[in-house]
Amino acid sequence: MASGPKRGFTNKIIMKRICYHYEKWEDWKSGFYNQGDYDDQLINQSISILSSTANFYEQAILLLKDWPISSDQNLSDTSRNRQAWVGQAACCIKNGVPENLTRIAWHKLSKLEQDKANHVADLVINKWEENHRKKKSCQKSFWE
């Protein structure tokens, strides 16, 4: 039997959810959850990020480094749409775009652009999971 992350019957990775008080979330502090008014400029900035795989990947990796608490909070919750959070957070960290405007931008992308963006998000999520496993394996339990 191959070793690797534990998976449940739905083939999702089983991990302990990491929770913090919302006042510690970097995304909250940056206006991620603000309900921004319709703004073509911000929507176009999100389209620009999400449609460029290199730019999107760069911003998404940056968010893992600069928003470690928000990354843990959102990426440890496998019941949520983690791809969406990565895309929305990348647009917020780069240009301060609230998540509701990035959702509008998402629907303006072609199916191919959406598929490529989801692939980039999956790469970033996998990188977070790998780093999370390494970090967890280096920690000693309270009883050791």
N, C-alpha and C. Protein backbone atom coordinates (compact mmCIF):
# COMPACT_ATOMS: atom_id res chain seq x y z
N MET A 1 0.85 -1.17 0.00
CA MET A 1 0.00 0.00 0.00
C MET A 1 0.89 1.24 0.00
N ALA A 2 0.59 2.20 -0.86
CA ALA A 2 1.39 3.41 -0.98
C ALA A 2 1.16 4.31 0.23
N SER A 3 2.25 4.93 0.67
CA SER A 3 2.08 5.89 1.76
C SER A 3 1.82 7.26 1.17
N GLY A 4 1.24 8.11 1.93
CA GLY A 4 0.90 9.46 1.48
C GLY A 4 -0.14 10.03 2.41
N PRO A 5 -0.75 11.13 2.02
CA PRO A 5 -1.74 11.74 2.90
C PRO A 5 -2.94 10.82 3.08
N LYS A 6 -3.53 10.86 4.28
CA LYS A 6 -4.72 10.07 4.54
C LYS A 6 -5.89 10.66 3.76
N ARG A 7 -6.72 9.79 3.21
CA ARG A 7 -7.87 10.24 2.45
C ARG A 7 -9.12 9.55 2.98
N GLY A 8 -10.22 10.25 2.94
CA GLY A 8 -11.51 9.71 3.35
C GLY A 8 -12.18 8.99 2.20
N PHE A 9 -13.40 8.53 2.40
CA PHE A 9 -14.08 7.76 1.37
C PHE A 9 -14.38 8.59 0.12
N THR A 10 -14.35 9.92 0.21
CA THR A 10 -14.58 10.76 -0.97
C THR A 10 -13.27 11.09 -1.67
N ASN A 11 -12.17 10.51 -1.22
CA ASN A 11 -10.84 10.71 -1.76
C ASN A 11 -10.29 12.11 -1.46
N LYS A 12 -10.89 12.82 -0.52
CA LYS A 12 -10.35 14.10 -0.09
C LYS A 12 -9.30 13.86 0.98
N ILE A 13 -8.31 14.71 1.00
CA ILE A 13 -7.28 14.61 2.03
C ILE A 13 -7.91 14.94 3.38
N ILE A 14 -7.60 14.12 4.36
CA ILE A 14 -8.09 14.35 5.71
C ILE A 14 -7.02 15.13 6.45
N MET A 15 -7.39 16.30 6.91
CA MET A 15 -6.47 17.08 7.71
C MET A 15 -7.26 17.82 8.77
N LYS A 16 -6.56 18.19 9.81
CA LYS A 16 -7.21 18.95 10.87
C LYS A 16 -7.35 20.38 10.40
N ARG A 17 -8.54 20.92 10.54
CA ARG A 17 -8.80 22.29 10.14
C ARG A 17 -8.11 23.24 11.11
N ILE A 18 -7.48 24.25 10.56
CA ILE A 18 -6.79 25.26 11.36
C ILE A 18 -7.68 26.49 11.42
N CYS A 19 -7.94 26.97 12.63
CA CYS A 19 -8.83 28.13 12.80
C CYS A 19 -8.15 29.22 13.61
N TYR A 20 -8.40 30.43 13.19
CA TYR A 20 -7.92 31.62 13.88
C TYR A 20 -9.09 32.59 14.01
N HIS A 21 -9.01 33.50 14.95
CA HIS A 21 -10.01 34.57 15.06
C HIS A 21 -9.87 35.45 13.82
N TYR A 22 -11.00 35.91 13.28
CA TYR A 22 -10.99 36.64 12.02
C TYR A 22 -10.14 37.91 12.06
N GLU A 23 -9.94 38.49 13.23
CA GLU A 23 -9.13 39.70 13.31
C GLU A 23 -7.65 39.44 13.02
N LYS A 24 -7.25 38.17 13.00
CA LYS A 24 -5.87 37.81 12.66
C LYS A 24 -5.71 37.53 11.16
N TRP A 25 -6.82 37.33 10.45
CA TRP A 25 -6.75 36.98 9.04
C TRP A 25 -6.19 38.15 8.23
N GLU A 26 -5.14 37.89 7.48
CA GLU A 26 -4.55 38.92 6.62
C GLU A 26 -5.51 39.32 5.50
N ASP A 27 -6.29 38.36 5.01
CA ASP A 27 -7.23 38.70 3.93
C ASP A 27 -8.32 39.64 4.45
N TRP A 28 -8.80 39.42 5.65
CA TRP A 28 -9.80 40.31 6.24
C TRP A 28 -9.23 41.71 6.42
N LYS A 29 -7.99 41.79 6.92
CA LYS A 29 -7.34 43.09 7.12
C LYS A 29 -7.12 43.83 5.80
N SER A 30 -7.01 43.09 4.71
CA SER A 30 -6.73 43.69 3.39
C SER A 30 -7.98 44.02 2.59
N GLY A 31 -9.16 43.81 3.17
CA GLY A 31 -10.39 44.17 2.48
C GLY A 31 -10.98 43.09 1.59
N PHE A 32 -10.50 41.87 1.72
CA PHE A 32 -10.97 40.75 0.91
C PHE A 32 -12.49 40.59 0.99
N TYR A 33 -13.05 40.75 2.18
CA TYR A 33 -14.48 40.52 2.39
C TYR A 33 -15.34 41.77 2.24
N ASN A 34 -14.73 42.91 1.96
CA ASN A 34 -15.51 44.12 1.70
C ASN A 34 -16.34 43.90 0.44
N GLN A 35 -17.56 44.35 0.45
CA GLN A 35 -18.41 44.22 -0.73
C GLN A 35 -18.21 45.46 -1.60
N GLY A 36 -17.22 45.38 -2.49
CA GLY A 36 -16.89 46.51 -3.33
C GLY A 36 -17.98 46.80 -4.36
N ASP A 37 -18.17 48.08 -4.64
CA ASP A 37 -19.09 48.48 -5.71
C ASP A 37 -18.51 48.03 -7.05
N TYR A 38 -19.41 47.82 -8.01
CA TYR A 38 -18.98 47.40 -9.34
C TYR A 38 -17.94 48.39 -9.86
N ASP A 39 -16.77 47.87 -10.24
CA ASP A 39 -15.66 48.71 -10.67
C ASP A 39 -14.95 48.00 -11.82
N ASP A 40 -15.14 48.51 -13.04
CA ASP A 40 -14.54 47.87 -14.22
C ASP A 40 -13.03 47.75 -14.11
N GLN A 41 -12.38 48.76 -13.54
CA GLN A 41 -10.92 48.72 -13.44
C GLN A 41 -10.45 47.57 -12.54
N LEU A 42 -11.07 47.41 -11.39
CA LEU A 42 -10.69 46.31 -10.49
C LEU A 42 -11.03 44.95 -11.09
N ILE A 43 -12.17 44.87 -11.76
CA ILE A 43 -12.56 43.62 -12.41
C ILE A 43 -11.55 43.27 -13.50
N ASN A 44 -11.15 44.25 -14.29
CA ASN A 44 -10.16 44.01 -15.35
C ASN A 44 -8.80 43.63 -14.78
N GLN A 45 -8.44 44.19 -13.61
CA GLN A 45 -7.19 43.79 -12.97
C GLN A 45 -7.24 42.32 -12.55
N SER A 46 -8.39 41.88 -12.05
CA SER A 46 -8.55 40.48 -11.69
C SER A 46 -8.49 39.58 -12.92
N ILE A 47 -9.13 40.00 -13.98
CA ILE A 47 -9.07 39.24 -15.23
C ILE A 47 -7.63 39.11 -15.69
N SER A 48 -6.88 40.19 -15.61
CA SER A 48 -5.47 40.18 -16.03
C SER A 48 -4.65 39.18 -15.22
N ILE A 49 -4.86 39.15 -13.92
CA ILE A 49 -4.11 38.21 -13.07
C ILE A 49 -4.53 36.77 -13.36
N LEU A 50 -5.83 36.50 -13.36
CA LEU A 50 -6.31 35.12 -13.49
C LEU A 50 -6.06 34.54 -14.88
N SER A 51 -5.98 35.37 -15.88
CA SER A 51 -5.78 34.86 -17.25
C SER A 51 -4.31 34.69 -17.62
N SER A 52 -3.41 35.12 -16.76
CA SER A 52 -1.97 34.94 -16.99
C SER A 52 -1.46 33.91 -15.99
N THR A 53 -1.19 32.70 -16.45
CA THR A 53 -0.79 31.65 -15.52
C THR A 53 0.47 32.02 -14.75
N ALA A 54 1.44 32.65 -15.40
CA ALA A 54 2.68 33.01 -14.71
C ALA A 54 2.42 34.06 -13.63
N ASN A 55 1.66 35.10 -13.97
CA ASN A 55 1.35 36.16 -13.02
C ASN A 55 0.51 35.62 -11.87
N PHE A 56 -0.49 34.82 -12.18
CA PHE A 56 -1.35 34.25 -11.16
C PHE A 56 -0.54 33.37 -10.21
N TYR A 57 0.31 32.52 -10.76
CA TYR A 57 1.13 31.64 -9.92
C TYR A 57 2.03 32.47 -8.99
N GLU A 58 2.64 33.50 -9.54
CA GLU A 58 3.53 34.36 -8.75
C GLU A 58 2.77 35.00 -7.58
N GLN A 59 1.59 35.54 -7.85
CA GLN A 59 0.79 36.17 -6.80
C GLN A 59 0.29 35.15 -5.78
N ALA A 60 -0.08 33.98 -6.25
CA ALA A 60 -0.60 32.94 -5.36
C ALA A 60 0.49 32.41 -4.43
N ILE A 61 1.69 32.25 -4.94
CA ILE A 61 2.81 31.82 -4.09
C ILE A 61 3.13 32.90 -3.07
N LEU A 62 3.05 34.16 -3.50
CA LEU A 62 3.28 35.29 -2.60
C LEU A 62 2.28 35.28 -1.45
N LEU A 63 1.05 34.96 -1.74
CA LEU A 63 0.04 34.96 -0.67
C LEU A 63 0.32 33.88 0.36
N LEU A 64 0.88 32.73 -0.05
CA LEU A 64 1.23 31.70 0.94
C LEU A 64 2.27 32.24 1.91
N LYS A 65 3.18 33.05 1.41
CA LYS A 65 4.24 33.62 2.24
C LYS A 65 3.74 34.79 3.08
N ASP A 66 3.00 35.71 2.45
CA ASP A 66 2.59 36.94 3.12
C ASP A 66 1.30 36.83 3.92
N TRP A 67 0.48 35.83 3.63
CA TRP A 67 -0.77 35.63 4.35
C TRP A 67 -0.80 34.21 4.95
N PRO A 68 0.14 33.87 5.83
CA PRO A 68 0.17 32.49 6.34
C PRO A 68 -1.05 32.12 7.18
N ILE A 69 -1.59 33.06 7.94
CA ILE A 69 -2.76 32.76 8.78
C ILE A 69 -3.99 32.54 7.92
N SER A 70 -4.22 33.44 6.97
CA SER A 70 -5.37 33.28 6.06
C SER A 70 -5.23 32.02 5.22
N SER A 71 -4.00 31.73 4.79
CA SER A 71 -3.77 30.50 4.00
C SER A 71 -4.12 29.27 4.82
N ASP A 72 -3.63 29.22 6.05
CA ASP A 72 -3.96 28.08 6.92
C ASP A 72 -5.47 27.97 7.15
N GLN A 73 -6.10 29.09 7.46
CA GLN A 73 -7.54 29.12 7.74
C GLN A 73 -8.34 28.59 6.56
N ASN A 74 -8.00 29.03 5.35
CA ASN A 74 -8.81 28.72 4.17
C ASN A 74 -8.39 27.44 3.46
N LEU A 75 -7.12 27.10 3.48
CA LEU A 75 -6.68 25.92 2.73
C LEU A 75 -6.75 24.64 3.56
N SER A 76 -6.87 24.77 4.88
CA SER A 76 -7.05 23.57 5.70
C SER A 76 -8.51 23.12 5.72
N ASP A 77 -9.39 23.94 5.20
CA ASP A 77 -10.82 23.60 5.15
C ASP A 77 -11.13 22.99 3.79
N THR A 78 -11.04 21.67 3.72
CA THR A 78 -11.23 20.98 2.44
C THR A 78 -12.68 20.94 1.99
N SER A 79 -13.61 21.43 2.82
CA SER A 79 -15.01 21.45 2.41
C SER A 79 -15.35 22.70 1.59
N ARG A 80 -14.44 23.65 1.55
CA ARG A 80 -14.71 24.89 0.81
C ARG A 80 -14.05 24.84 -0.57
N ASN A 81 -14.38 25.78 -1.41
CA ASN A 81 -13.78 25.88 -2.73
C ASN A 81 -12.43 26.58 -2.60
N ARG A 82 -11.41 25.79 -2.37
CA ARG A 82 -10.08 26.34 -2.13
C ARG A 82 -9.50 26.98 -3.39
N GLN A 83 -9.84 26.48 -4.57
CA GLN A 83 -9.38 27.10 -5.81
C GLN A 83 -9.89 28.54 -5.89
N ALA A 84 -11.16 28.73 -5.57
CA ALA A 84 -11.74 30.08 -5.61
C ALA A 84 -11.02 31.00 -4.64
N TRP A 85 -10.77 30.51 -3.43
CA TRP A 85 -10.09 31.37 -2.45
C TRP A 85 -8.71 31.78 -2.94
N VAL A 86 -7.96 30.84 -3.52
CA VAL A 86 -6.62 31.18 -4.02
C VAL A 86 -6.71 32.26 -5.09
N GLY A 87 -7.64 32.13 -6.02
CA GLY A 87 -7.79 33.14 -7.06
C GLY A 87 -8.21 34.48 -6.51
N GLN A 88 -9.19 34.48 -5.63
CA GLN A 88 -9.67 35.72 -5.04
C GLN A 88 -8.59 36.37 -4.18
N ALA A 89 -7.87 35.57 -3.41
CA ALA A 89 -6.82 36.10 -2.54
C ALA A 89 -5.66 36.66 -3.36
N ALA A 90 -5.31 36.00 -4.47
CA ALA A 90 -4.22 36.50 -5.32
C ALA A 90 -4.57 37.86 -5.89
N CYS A 91 -5.83 38.05 -6.27
CA CYS A 91 -6.26 39.34 -6.81
C CYS A 91 -6.31 40.41 -5.72
N CYS A 92 -6.66 40.01 -4.51
CA CYS A 92 -6.72 40.96 -3.41
C CYS A 92 -5.32 41.37 -2.97
N ILE A 93 -4.41 40.41 -2.87
CA ILE A 93 -3.07 40.73 -2.40
C ILE A 93 -2.32 41.61 -3.40
N LYS A 94 -2.60 41.42 -4.68
CA LYS A 94 -1.93 42.20 -5.72
C LYS A 94 -2.54 43.60 -5.88
N ASN A 95 -3.87 43.68 -5.96
CA ASN A 95 -4.53 44.94 -6.30
C ASN A 95 -5.60 45.40 -5.32
N GLY A 96 -5.77 44.68 -4.22
CA GLY A 96 -6.79 45.06 -3.25
C GLY A 96 -8.21 44.84 -3.73
N VAL A 97 -8.39 43.89 -4.64
CA VAL A 97 -9.72 43.63 -5.19
C VAL A 97 -10.51 42.75 -4.22
N PRO A 98 -11.70 43.19 -3.78
CA PRO A 98 -12.51 42.35 -2.91
C PRO A 98 -13.01 41.10 -3.66
N GLU A 99 -13.31 40.07 -2.90
CA GLU A 99 -13.66 38.79 -3.51
C GLU A 99 -14.89 38.86 -4.40
N ASN A 100 -15.86 39.72 -4.09
CA ASN A 100 -17.07 39.75 -4.91
C ASN A 100 -16.77 40.26 -6.33
N LEU A 101 -15.79 41.15 -6.48
CA LEU A 101 -15.44 41.64 -7.82
C LEU A 101 -14.61 40.60 -8.59
N THR A 102 -13.83 39.83 -7.86
CA THR A 102 -13.08 38.75 -8.53
C THR A 102 -14.03 37.67 -9.03
N ARG A 103 -15.13 37.43 -8.31
CA ARG A 103 -16.13 36.48 -8.80
C ARG A 103 -16.74 36.95 -10.12
N ILE A 104 -16.98 38.26 -10.24
CA ILE A 104 -17.48 38.81 -11.51
C ILE A 104 -16.45 38.60 -12.61
N ALA A 105 -15.19 38.87 -12.28
CA ALA A 105 -14.11 38.70 -13.26
C ALA A 105 -14.02 37.25 -13.73
N TRP A 106 -14.19 36.32 -12.80
CA TRP A 106 -14.10 34.89 -13.12
C TRP A 106 -15.07 34.52 -14.24
N HIS A 107 -16.27 35.05 -14.19
CA HIS A 107 -17.29 34.70 -15.18
C HIS A 107 -17.06 35.37 -16.52
N LYS A 108 -16.09 36.26 -16.59
CA LYS A 108 -15.72 36.90 -17.86
C LYS A 108 -14.57 36.16 -18.55
N LEU A 109 -13.97 35.20 -17.85
CA LEU A 109 -12.90 34.39 -18.44
C LEU A 109 -13.49 33.31 -19.33
N SER A 110 -12.73 32.91 -20.33
CA SER A 110 -13.15 31.78 -21.16
C SER A 110 -13.02 30.49 -20.36
N LYS A 111 -13.64 29.43 -20.82
CA LYS A 111 -13.55 28.13 -20.16
C LYS A 111 -12.09 27.68 -20.08
N LEU A 112 -11.33 27.90 -21.15
CA LEU A 112 -9.92 27.52 -21.17
C LEU A 112 -9.14 28.32 -20.12
N GLU A 113 -9.41 29.62 -20.02
CA GLU A 113 -8.72 30.44 -19.01
C GLU A 113 -9.09 30.00 -17.60
N GLN A 114 -10.35 29.64 -17.40
CA GLN A 114 -10.77 29.13 -16.09
C GLN A 114 -10.07 27.83 -15.75
N ASP A 115 -9.98 26.93 -16.74
CA ASP A 115 -9.30 25.65 -16.51
C ASP A 115 -7.83 25.85 -16.16
N LYS A 116 -7.17 26.77 -16.86
CA LYS A 116 -5.75 27.05 -16.58
C LYS A 116 -5.60 27.67 -15.19
N ALA A 117 -6.49 28.58 -14.84
CA ALA A 117 -6.42 29.21 -13.52
C ALA A 117 -6.67 28.17 -12.42
N ASN A 118 -7.61 27.26 -12.63
CA ASN A 118 -7.85 26.20 -11.65
C ASN A 118 -6.63 25.30 -11.50
N HIS A 119 -5.95 25.04 -12.60
CA HIS A 119 -4.72 24.23 -12.54
C HIS A 119 -3.66 24.93 -11.71
N VAL A 120 -3.49 26.23 -11.93
CA VAL A 120 -2.52 27.00 -11.13
C VAL A 120 -2.92 26.95 -9.65
N ALA A 121 -4.19 27.16 -9.37
CA ALA A 121 -4.66 27.11 -7.97
C ALA A 121 -4.38 25.74 -7.36
N ASP A 122 -4.59 24.68 -8.12
CA ASP A 122 -4.30 23.34 -7.61
C ASP A 122 -2.81 23.17 -7.29
N LEU A 123 -1.94 23.71 -8.13
CA LEU A 123 -0.50 23.66 -7.86
C LEU A 123 -0.16 24.35 -6.55
N VAL A 124 -0.78 25.49 -6.33
CA VAL A 124 -0.51 26.27 -5.12
C VAL A 124 -1.09 25.55 -3.89
N ILE A 125 -2.27 25.00 -4.02
CA ILE A 125 -2.88 24.24 -2.91
C ILE A 125 -2.01 23.04 -2.57
N ASN A 126 -1.53 22.34 -3.59
CA ASN A 126 -0.65 21.19 -3.35
C ASN A 126 0.64 21.62 -2.65
N LYS A 127 1.18 22.77 -3.04
CA LYS A 127 2.38 23.29 -2.40
C LYS A 127 2.10 23.61 -0.93
N TRP A 128 0.95 24.23 -0.65
CA TRP A 128 0.59 24.52 0.74
C TRP A 128 0.47 23.21 1.53
N GLU A 129 -0.22 22.21 0.95
CA GLU A 129 -0.40 20.93 1.65
C GLU A 129 0.94 20.26 1.94
N GLU A 130 1.83 20.30 0.97
CA GLU A 130 3.16 19.70 1.15
C GLU A 130 3.91 20.42 2.27
N ASN A 131 3.90 21.75 2.26
CA ASN A 131 4.56 22.52 3.31
C ASN A 131 3.90 22.28 4.66
N HIS A 132 2.58 22.16 4.67
CA HIS A 132 1.85 21.91 5.90
C HIS A 132 2.24 20.55 6.49
N ARG A 133 2.34 19.54 5.63
CA ARG A 133 2.75 18.20 6.10
C ARG A 133 4.17 18.24 6.66
N LYS A 134 5.07 18.93 5.97
CA LYS A 134 6.46 19.02 6.45
C LYS A 134 6.52 19.73 7.79
N LYS A 135 5.79 20.85 7.88
CA LYS A 135 5.78 21.62 9.12
C LYS A 135 5.21 20.78 10.26
N LYS A 136 4.15 20.05 9.96
CA LYS A 136 3.50 19.23 10.98
C LYS A 136 4.41 18.08 11.41
N SER A 137 5.14 17.48 10.47
CA SER A 137 5.99 16.35 10.81
C SER A 137 7.20 16.78 11.62
N CYS A 138 7.55 18.06 11.58
CA CYS A 138 8.69 18.56 12.34
C CYS A 138 8.29 18.96 13.76
N GLN A 139 7.00 19.09 14.01
CA GLN A 139 6.55 19.49 15.34
C GLN A 139 6.47 18.28 16.24
N LYS A 140 6.91 18.45 17.47
CA LYS A 140 6.79 17.37 18.45
C LYS A 140 5.46 17.53 19.17
N SER A 141 4.90 16.43 19.53
CA SER A 141 3.63 16.51 20.26
C SER A 141 3.90 16.98 21.69
N PHE A 142 2.85 17.38 22.37
CA PHE A 142 2.94 17.85 23.75
C PHE A 142 3.54 16.78 24.64
N TRP A 143 3.29 15.52 24.31
CA TRP A 143 3.70 14.42 25.19
C TRP A 143 5.11 13.93 24.93
N GLU A 144 5.74 14.40 23.86
CA GLU A 144 7.10 13.91 23.54
C GLU A 144 8.16 14.72 24.25
